[in-house]
Amino acid sequence: MAAVYRPLGPEWHRDILKLLRAVNFPKVSHLDAVALDRLAEAENWGILQNGKVVFWTGFFNRSGRRFMDTAVLPDYRCKWATKENLRKIYHAMFKSDDTAVVYAYSLTPAGRRCALSAGFVVTYDETGNLLALTREAAKLKARVKDNG
């Protein structure tokens, strides 16, 4: 049975933190309490393999914008990208009817390629690493239906 993308509740926060530290995710606090509080602010989704989180996306609302962070174990890169999982990811991004755009920062070349192939486009900010995906682009990319 293929691993399926699904919501991850608070019981998975420590496992998500292990994944983030294993892949040297930027800006993860070395203090567990601080990092776990940050995860509690997010809407966490992911894929489990053999009882551990191997792929994670976190959605955060900042300054009226919806942002997405992603981390994946090296051994699981590209293996998560089934049509079913991609549709679920697009649905999770835009599950709120008032979300028109999801933003992500691309900090690695591999992450940037993945985001661009998923339909994100470069938007220019002071870092040059900000990417955006519109609801309309997601519908075209994954044939995601509106929530209505």
N, C-alpha and C. Protein backbone atom coordinates (compact mmCIF):
# COMPACT_ATOMS: atom_id res chain seq x y z
N MET A 1 0.84 -1.18 0.00
CA MET A 1 0.00 0.00 0.00
C MET A 1 0.88 1.24 0.00
N ALA A 2 0.58 2.18 -0.87
CA ALA A 2 1.38 3.40 -0.98
C ALA A 2 1.15 4.31 0.22
N ALA A 3 2.20 5.03 0.57
CA ALA A 3 2.09 6.00 1.66
C ALA A 3 1.23 7.17 1.19
N VAL A 4 0.32 7.61 2.05
CA VAL A 4 -0.65 8.64 1.69
C VAL A 4 -0.44 9.89 2.52
N TYR A 5 -0.55 11.03 1.87
CA TYR A 5 -0.45 12.35 2.49
C TYR A 5 -1.67 12.59 3.35
N ARG A 6 -1.45 13.00 4.60
CA ARG A 6 -2.57 13.16 5.52
C ARG A 6 -2.26 14.20 6.58
N PRO A 7 -3.28 14.69 7.29
CA PRO A 7 -3.03 15.63 8.39
C PRO A 7 -2.25 14.94 9.50
N LEU A 8 -1.36 15.69 10.14
CA LEU A 8 -0.59 15.16 11.28
C LEU A 8 -0.92 16.00 12.51
N GLY A 9 -1.52 15.35 13.50
CA GLY A 9 -1.90 16.05 14.73
C GLY A 9 -0.73 16.26 15.67
N PRO A 10 -1.00 16.83 16.84
CA PRO A 10 0.05 17.14 17.81
C PRO A 10 0.88 15.93 18.24
N GLU A 11 0.30 14.75 18.17
CA GLU A 11 1.05 13.55 18.56
C GLU A 11 2.23 13.28 17.63
N TRP A 12 2.27 13.94 16.48
CA TRP A 12 3.36 13.76 15.51
C TRP A 12 4.40 14.87 15.57
N HIS A 13 4.20 15.89 16.40
CA HIS A 13 5.12 17.03 16.42
C HIS A 13 6.57 16.64 16.72
N ARG A 14 6.79 15.76 17.65
CA ARG A 14 8.18 15.34 17.95
C ARG A 14 8.82 14.61 16.77
N ASP A 15 8.03 13.81 16.06
CA ASP A 15 8.55 13.12 14.89
C ASP A 15 8.84 14.10 13.75
N ILE A 16 7.98 15.10 13.60
CA ILE A 16 8.24 16.14 12.59
C ILE A 16 9.53 16.87 12.93
N LEU A 17 9.71 17.19 14.21
CA LEU A 17 10.93 17.87 14.65
C LEU A 17 12.17 17.03 14.35
N LYS A 18 12.09 15.72 14.56
CA LYS A 18 13.21 14.83 14.22
C LYS A 18 13.54 14.91 12.73
N LEU A 19 12.50 14.91 11.89
CA LEU A 19 12.70 15.03 10.45
C LEU A 19 13.37 16.36 10.11
N LEU A 20 12.86 17.46 10.67
CA LEU A 20 13.42 18.78 10.37
C LEU A 20 14.90 18.86 10.76
N ARG A 21 15.23 18.29 11.89
CA ARG A 21 16.64 18.31 12.33
C ARG A 21 17.50 17.36 11.48
N ALA A 22 16.92 16.25 11.06
CA ALA A 22 17.68 15.28 10.25
C ALA A 22 18.08 15.86 8.90
N VAL A 23 17.25 16.77 8.38
CA VAL A 23 17.55 17.36 7.07
C VAL A 23 18.14 18.77 7.20
N ASN A 24 18.53 19.14 8.42
CA ASN A 24 19.10 20.48 8.68
C ASN A 24 18.21 21.60 8.17
N PHE A 25 16.93 21.49 8.48
CA PHE A 25 15.97 22.50 8.06
C PHE A 25 16.36 23.84 8.69
N PRO A 26 16.36 24.91 7.90
CA PRO A 26 16.80 26.20 8.43
C PRO A 26 15.87 26.76 9.50
N LYS A 27 16.46 27.47 10.42
CA LYS A 27 15.75 28.22 11.46
C LYS A 27 14.93 27.35 12.41
N VAL A 28 15.32 26.11 12.62
CA VAL A 28 14.66 25.28 13.63
C VAL A 28 15.40 25.49 14.94
N SER A 29 14.66 25.90 15.94
CA SER A 29 15.27 26.18 17.24
C SER A 29 15.93 24.91 17.80
N HIS A 30 17.07 25.09 18.46
CA HIS A 30 17.71 23.96 19.12
C HIS A 30 17.00 23.62 20.43
N LEU A 31 16.10 24.49 20.86
CA LEU A 31 15.30 24.24 22.06
C LEU A 31 14.00 23.53 21.66
N ASP A 32 13.81 22.33 22.16
CA ASP A 32 12.62 21.56 21.79
C ASP A 32 11.33 22.33 22.04
N ALA A 33 11.20 22.97 23.21
CA ALA A 33 9.96 23.66 23.56
C ALA A 33 9.63 24.75 22.54
N VAL A 34 10.62 25.50 22.13
CA VAL A 34 10.39 26.58 21.15
C VAL A 34 10.00 25.99 19.80
N ALA A 35 10.71 24.98 19.36
CA ALA A 35 10.42 24.35 18.07
C ALA A 35 9.04 23.70 18.07
N LEU A 36 8.69 23.03 19.17
CA LEU A 36 7.38 22.38 19.25
C LEU A 36 6.25 23.41 19.30
N ASP A 37 6.48 24.55 19.96
CA ASP A 37 5.49 25.62 19.95
C ASP A 37 5.26 26.14 18.54
N ARG A 38 6.33 26.26 17.78
CA ARG A 38 6.23 26.73 16.39
C ARG A 38 5.43 25.74 15.56
N LEU A 39 5.67 24.44 15.75
CA LEU A 39 4.89 23.43 15.02
C LEU A 39 3.42 23.46 15.42
N ALA A 40 3.15 23.79 16.68
CA ALA A 40 1.76 23.86 17.15
C ALA A 40 1.01 25.00 16.47
N GLU A 41 1.72 26.02 15.98
CA GLU A 41 1.10 27.14 15.27
C GLU A 41 0.74 26.77 13.83
N ALA A 42 1.31 25.69 13.34
CA ALA A 42 1.15 25.31 11.94
C ALA A 42 0.02 24.31 11.75
N GLU A 43 -0.44 24.24 10.52
CA GLU A 43 -1.31 23.15 10.09
C GLU A 43 -0.36 22.14 9.45
N ASN A 44 -0.14 21.01 10.10
CA ASN A 44 0.86 20.04 9.70
C ASN A 44 0.25 18.87 8.94
N TRP A 45 0.87 18.54 7.81
CA TRP A 45 0.48 17.42 6.97
C TRP A 45 1.74 16.62 6.66
N GLY A 46 1.58 15.36 6.29
CA GLY A 46 2.77 14.60 5.93
C GLY A 46 2.46 13.20 5.46
N ILE A 47 3.55 12.48 5.24
CA ILE A 47 3.48 11.09 4.82
C ILE A 47 4.29 10.27 5.82
N LEU A 48 3.70 9.16 6.27
CA LEU A 48 4.35 8.26 7.20
C LEU A 48 4.82 7.02 6.46
N GLN A 49 5.98 6.55 6.85
CA GLN A 49 6.51 5.29 6.31
C GLN A 49 7.07 4.51 7.50
N ASN A 50 6.58 3.31 7.69
CA ASN A 50 7.02 2.48 8.82
C ASN A 50 6.95 3.22 10.15
N GLY A 51 5.87 3.97 10.33
CA GLY A 51 5.62 4.65 11.60
C GLY A 51 6.43 5.90 11.85
N LYS A 52 7.10 6.44 10.83
CA LYS A 52 7.82 7.70 11.03
C LYS A 52 7.50 8.67 9.90
N VAL A 53 7.63 9.96 10.22
CA VAL A 53 7.35 11.01 9.25
C VAL A 53 8.51 11.10 8.27
N VAL A 54 8.23 10.88 6.99
CA VAL A 54 9.28 10.95 5.97
C VAL A 54 9.12 12.16 5.05
N PHE A 55 7.92 12.74 5.06
CA PHE A 55 7.63 13.92 4.25
C PHE A 55 6.69 14.79 5.06
N TRP A 56 6.97 16.10 5.10
CA TRP A 56 6.17 17.02 5.91
C TRP A 56 5.91 18.31 5.15
N THR A 57 4.71 18.82 5.30
CA THR A 57 4.42 20.19 4.90
C THR A 57 3.73 20.86 6.07
N GLY A 58 4.14 22.09 6.32
CA GLY A 58 3.52 22.91 7.36
C GLY A 58 2.98 24.16 6.72
N PHE A 59 1.76 24.52 7.06
CA PHE A 59 1.14 25.74 6.56
C PHE A 59 1.03 26.73 7.70
N PHE A 60 1.52 27.94 7.45
CA PHE A 60 1.54 29.01 8.44
C PHE A 60 0.88 30.25 7.86
N ASN A 61 0.13 30.95 8.68
CA ASN A 61 -0.42 32.24 8.26
C ASN A 61 0.43 33.34 8.89
N ARG A 62 1.00 34.18 8.02
CA ARG A 62 1.83 35.30 8.47
C ARG A 62 1.41 36.55 7.72
N SER A 63 1.10 37.59 8.46
CA SER A 63 0.75 38.89 7.86
C SER A 63 -0.34 38.75 6.80
N GLY A 64 -1.33 37.92 7.06
CA GLY A 64 -2.43 37.75 6.12
C GLY A 64 -2.12 36.89 4.92
N ARG A 65 -0.95 36.27 4.90
CA ARG A 65 -0.57 35.38 3.79
C ARG A 65 -0.44 33.95 4.30
N ARG A 66 -0.67 32.99 3.42
CA ARG A 66 -0.50 31.57 3.77
C ARG A 66 0.83 31.11 3.19
N PHE A 67 1.70 30.61 4.07
CA PHE A 67 3.01 30.12 3.66
C PHE A 67 3.07 28.61 3.86
N MET A 68 3.93 27.98 3.07
CA MET A 68 4.11 26.54 3.13
C MET A 68 5.60 26.23 3.30
N ASP A 69 5.91 25.34 4.22
CA ASP A 69 7.26 24.80 4.37
C ASP A 69 7.19 23.31 4.10
N THR A 70 8.26 22.76 3.57
CA THR A 70 8.31 21.33 3.23
C THR A 70 9.66 20.74 3.59
N ALA A 71 9.64 19.51 4.07
CA ALA A 71 10.88 18.77 4.33
C ALA A 71 10.64 17.31 3.99
N VAL A 72 11.69 16.67 3.46
CA VAL A 72 11.59 15.26 3.09
C VAL A 72 12.93 14.58 3.39
N LEU A 73 12.85 13.36 3.89
CA LEU A 73 14.08 12.60 4.10
C LEU A 73 14.73 12.29 2.75
N PRO A 74 16.05 12.32 2.68
CA PRO A 74 16.74 12.09 1.40
C PRO A 74 16.33 10.78 0.71
N ASP A 75 16.14 9.72 1.47
CA ASP A 75 15.78 8.43 0.87
C ASP A 75 14.36 8.41 0.31
N TYR A 76 13.57 9.43 0.63
CA TYR A 76 12.18 9.45 0.20
C TYR A 76 11.92 10.52 -0.87
N ARG A 77 12.95 11.25 -1.27
CA ARG A 77 12.78 12.29 -2.29
C ARG A 77 12.18 11.68 -3.55
N CYS A 78 11.24 12.37 -4.11
CA CYS A 78 10.54 11.99 -5.35
C CYS A 78 9.59 10.79 -5.17
N LYS A 79 9.78 9.96 -4.18
CA LYS A 79 8.92 8.79 -3.99
C LYS A 79 7.54 9.18 -3.49
N TRP A 80 7.41 10.36 -2.90
CA TRP A 80 6.14 10.81 -2.35
C TRP A 80 5.22 11.39 -3.42
N ALA A 81 5.75 11.72 -4.59
CA ALA A 81 5.02 12.52 -5.58
C ALA A 81 4.09 11.70 -6.46
N THR A 82 3.14 11.02 -5.84
CA THR A 82 2.11 10.32 -6.62
C THR A 82 1.02 11.31 -6.99
N LYS A 83 0.21 10.98 -7.99
CA LYS A 83 -0.90 11.87 -8.37
C LYS A 83 -1.83 12.11 -7.18
N GLU A 84 -2.13 11.05 -6.46
CA GLU A 84 -3.04 11.17 -5.31
C GLU A 84 -2.46 12.12 -4.26
N ASN A 85 -1.18 11.96 -3.93
CA ASN A 85 -0.57 12.83 -2.93
C ASN A 85 -0.50 14.27 -3.40
N LEU A 86 -0.17 14.48 -4.66
CA LEU A 86 -0.12 15.85 -5.18
C LEU A 86 -1.48 16.51 -5.12
N ARG A 87 -2.52 15.80 -5.46
CA ARG A 87 -3.88 16.36 -5.36
C ARG A 87 -4.21 16.73 -3.92
N LYS A 88 -3.83 15.87 -2.99
CA LYS A 88 -4.11 16.15 -1.58
C LYS A 88 -3.32 17.36 -1.09
N ILE A 89 -2.09 17.49 -1.56
CA ILE A 89 -1.27 18.64 -1.16
C ILE A 89 -1.91 19.93 -1.69
N TYR A 90 -2.29 19.94 -2.96
CA TYR A 90 -2.94 21.12 -3.52
C TYR A 90 -4.23 21.43 -2.77
N HIS A 91 -4.99 20.41 -2.42
CA HIS A 91 -6.23 20.62 -1.67
C HIS A 91 -5.92 21.22 -0.29
N ALA A 92 -4.90 20.70 0.38
CA ALA A 92 -4.54 21.23 1.70
C ALA A 92 -4.10 22.69 1.61
N MET A 93 -3.41 23.03 0.54
CA MET A 93 -2.97 24.41 0.35
C MET A 93 -4.14 25.37 0.29
N PHE A 94 -5.18 24.97 -0.41
CA PHE A 94 -6.29 25.87 -0.71
C PHE A 94 -7.61 25.42 -0.09
N LYS A 95 -7.54 24.74 1.05
CA LYS A 95 -8.78 24.25 1.63
C LYS A 95 -9.67 25.36 2.16
N SER A 96 -9.09 26.49 2.48
CA SER A 96 -9.88 27.65 2.89
C SER A 96 -10.27 28.43 1.64
N ASP A 97 -11.54 28.77 1.53
CA ASP A 97 -12.01 29.48 0.34
C ASP A 97 -11.39 30.87 0.19
N ASP A 98 -10.89 31.44 1.28
CA ASP A 98 -10.32 32.79 1.18
C ASP A 98 -8.83 32.78 0.86
N THR A 99 -8.25 31.61 0.65
CA THR A 99 -6.84 31.52 0.25
C THR A 99 -6.75 31.57 -1.27
N ALA A 100 -6.12 32.63 -1.78
CA ALA A 100 -5.97 32.77 -3.23
C ALA A 100 -4.56 32.42 -3.68
N VAL A 101 -3.58 32.60 -2.77
CA VAL A 101 -2.17 32.37 -3.10
C VAL A 101 -1.49 31.70 -1.92
N VAL A 102 -0.62 30.74 -2.20
CA VAL A 102 0.23 30.13 -1.17
C VAL A 102 1.67 30.49 -1.52
N TYR A 103 2.43 30.90 -0.51
CA TYR A 103 3.82 31.31 -0.71
C TYR A 103 4.76 30.28 -0.09
N ALA A 104 5.94 30.19 -0.66
CA ALA A 104 6.98 29.31 -0.12
C ALA A 104 8.33 29.94 -0.41
N TYR A 105 9.27 29.76 0.50
CA TYR A 105 10.64 30.18 0.26
C TYR A 105 11.43 28.99 -0.23
N SER A 106 12.15 29.16 -1.30
CA SER A 106 12.98 28.10 -1.84
C SER A 106 14.43 28.38 -1.45
N LEU A 107 14.98 27.55 -0.58
CA LEU A 107 16.32 27.79 -0.07
C LEU A 107 17.37 26.87 -0.67
N THR A 108 16.93 25.89 -1.45
CA THR A 108 17.89 24.98 -2.10
C THR A 108 17.52 24.86 -3.58
N PRO A 109 18.50 24.57 -4.42
CA PRO A 109 18.19 24.38 -5.85
C PRO A 109 17.18 23.24 -6.09
N ALA A 110 17.30 22.16 -5.34
CA ALA A 110 16.38 21.04 -5.52
C ALA A 110 14.96 21.44 -5.12
N GLY A 111 14.84 22.17 -4.01
CA GLY A 111 13.53 22.64 -3.58
C GLY A 111 12.91 23.60 -4.57
N ARG A 112 13.74 24.44 -5.15
CA ARG A 112 13.26 25.40 -6.15
C ARG A 112 12.75 24.67 -7.40
N ARG A 113 13.50 23.68 -7.88
CA ARG A 113 13.06 22.90 -9.05
C ARG A 113 11.74 22.19 -8.77
N CYS A 114 11.64 21.61 -7.59
CA CYS A 114 10.41 20.90 -7.21
C CYS A 114 9.23 21.86 -7.18
N ALA A 115 9.41 23.01 -6.55
CA ALA A 115 8.33 23.99 -6.45
C ALA A 115 7.92 24.52 -7.83
N LEU A 116 8.90 24.81 -8.67
CA LEU A 116 8.59 25.31 -10.00
C LEU A 116 7.83 24.25 -10.82
N SER A 117 8.21 22.99 -10.67
CA SER A 117 7.52 21.93 -11.42
C SER A 117 6.11 21.70 -10.87
N ALA A 118 5.88 22.11 -9.62
CA ALA A 118 4.55 21.97 -9.01
C ALA A 118 3.63 23.14 -9.37
N GLY A 119 4.16 24.13 -10.10
CA GLY A 119 3.33 25.24 -10.53
C GLY A 119 3.63 26.56 -9.87
N PHE A 120 4.53 26.57 -8.89
CA PHE A 120 4.91 27.83 -8.25
C PHE A 120 5.66 28.69 -9.26
N VAL A 121 5.59 29.99 -9.07
CA VAL A 121 6.35 30.93 -9.89
C VAL A 121 7.16 31.83 -8.96
N VAL A 122 8.25 32.37 -9.50
CA VAL A 122 9.11 33.25 -8.71
C VAL A 122 8.42 34.59 -8.55
N THR A 123 8.37 35.08 -7.33
CA THR A 123 7.93 36.44 -7.05
C THR A 123 9.10 37.13 -6.40
N TYR A 124 9.30 38.36 -6.69
CA TYR A 124 10.51 39.01 -6.24
C TYR A 124 10.31 39.72 -4.91
N ASP A 125 11.18 39.38 -3.99
CA ASP A 125 11.25 40.07 -2.70
C ASP A 125 12.72 40.35 -2.44
N GLU A 126 13.04 40.78 -1.25
CA GLU A 126 14.43 41.14 -0.95
C GLU A 126 15.39 39.96 -1.01
N THR A 127 14.88 38.73 -0.84
CA THR A 127 15.76 37.55 -0.86
C THR A 127 15.88 36.95 -2.25
N GLY A 128 14.88 37.14 -3.09
CA GLY A 128 14.86 36.49 -4.39
C GLY A 128 14.47 35.03 -4.34
N ASN A 129 14.06 34.57 -3.17
CA ASN A 129 13.73 33.15 -2.99
C ASN A 129 12.24 32.89 -2.78
N LEU A 130 11.42 33.93 -2.87
CA LEU A 130 9.99 33.75 -2.60
C LEU A 130 9.28 33.24 -3.85
N LEU A 131 8.50 32.18 -3.67
CA LEU A 131 7.72 31.58 -4.75
C LEU A 131 6.24 31.67 -4.38
N ALA A 132 5.38 31.68 -5.39
CA ALA A 132 3.94 31.76 -5.14
C ALA A 132 3.18 30.81 -6.05
N LEU A 133 2.09 30.28 -5.53
CA LEU A 133 1.21 29.42 -6.30
C LEU A 133 -0.21 29.93 -6.11
N THR A 134 -0.90 30.21 -7.21
CA THR A 134 -2.28 30.67 -7.12
C THR A 134 -3.23 29.49 -7.13
N ARG A 135 -4.44 29.73 -6.63
CA ARG A 135 -5.47 28.70 -6.65
C ARG A 135 -5.74 28.25 -8.09
N GLU A 136 -5.80 29.20 -9.00
CA GLU A 136 -6.08 28.85 -10.41
C GLU A 136 -4.97 27.98 -11.00
N ALA A 137 -3.72 28.30 -10.70
CA ALA A 137 -2.61 27.48 -11.20
C ALA A 137 -2.66 26.08 -10.60
N ALA A 138 -3.01 25.98 -9.33
CA ALA A 138 -3.11 24.67 -8.68
C ALA A 138 -4.21 23.84 -9.32
N LYS A 139 -5.35 24.47 -9.63
CA LYS A 139 -6.44 23.74 -10.27
C LYS A 139 -6.00 23.21 -11.63
N LEU A 140 -5.28 24.02 -12.37
CA LEU A 140 -4.79 23.57 -13.67
C LEU A 140 -3.76 22.46 -13.53
N LYS A 141 -2.88 22.60 -12.54
CA LYS A 141 -1.78 21.65 -12.37
C LYS A 141 -2.28 20.28 -11.89
N ALA A 142 -3.21 20.29 -10.96
CA ALA A 142 -3.62 19.02 -10.36
C ALA A 142 -5.09 18.68 -10.57
N ARG A 143 -5.76 19.53 -11.32
CA ARG A 143 -7.20 19.33 -11.51
C ARG A 143 -7.92 19.21 -10.18
N VAL A 144 -7.57 20.13 -9.27
CA VAL A 144 -8.18 20.18 -7.95
C VAL A 144 -9.52 20.88 -8.06
N LYS A 145 -10.55 20.31 -7.48
CA LYS A 145 -11.88 20.93 -7.50
C LYS A 145 -11.96 21.95 -6.39
N ASP A 146 -12.79 22.98 -6.61
CA ASP A 146 -13.06 23.95 -5.55
C ASP A 146 -13.73 23.24 -4.39
N ASN A 147 -13.65 23.86 -3.20
CA ASN A 147 -14.21 23.25 -2.00
C ASN A 147 -15.73 23.36 -1.93
N GLY A 148 -16.32 24.16 -2.79
CA GLY A 148 -17.76 24.42 -2.73
C GLY A 148 -18.61 23.28 -3.15
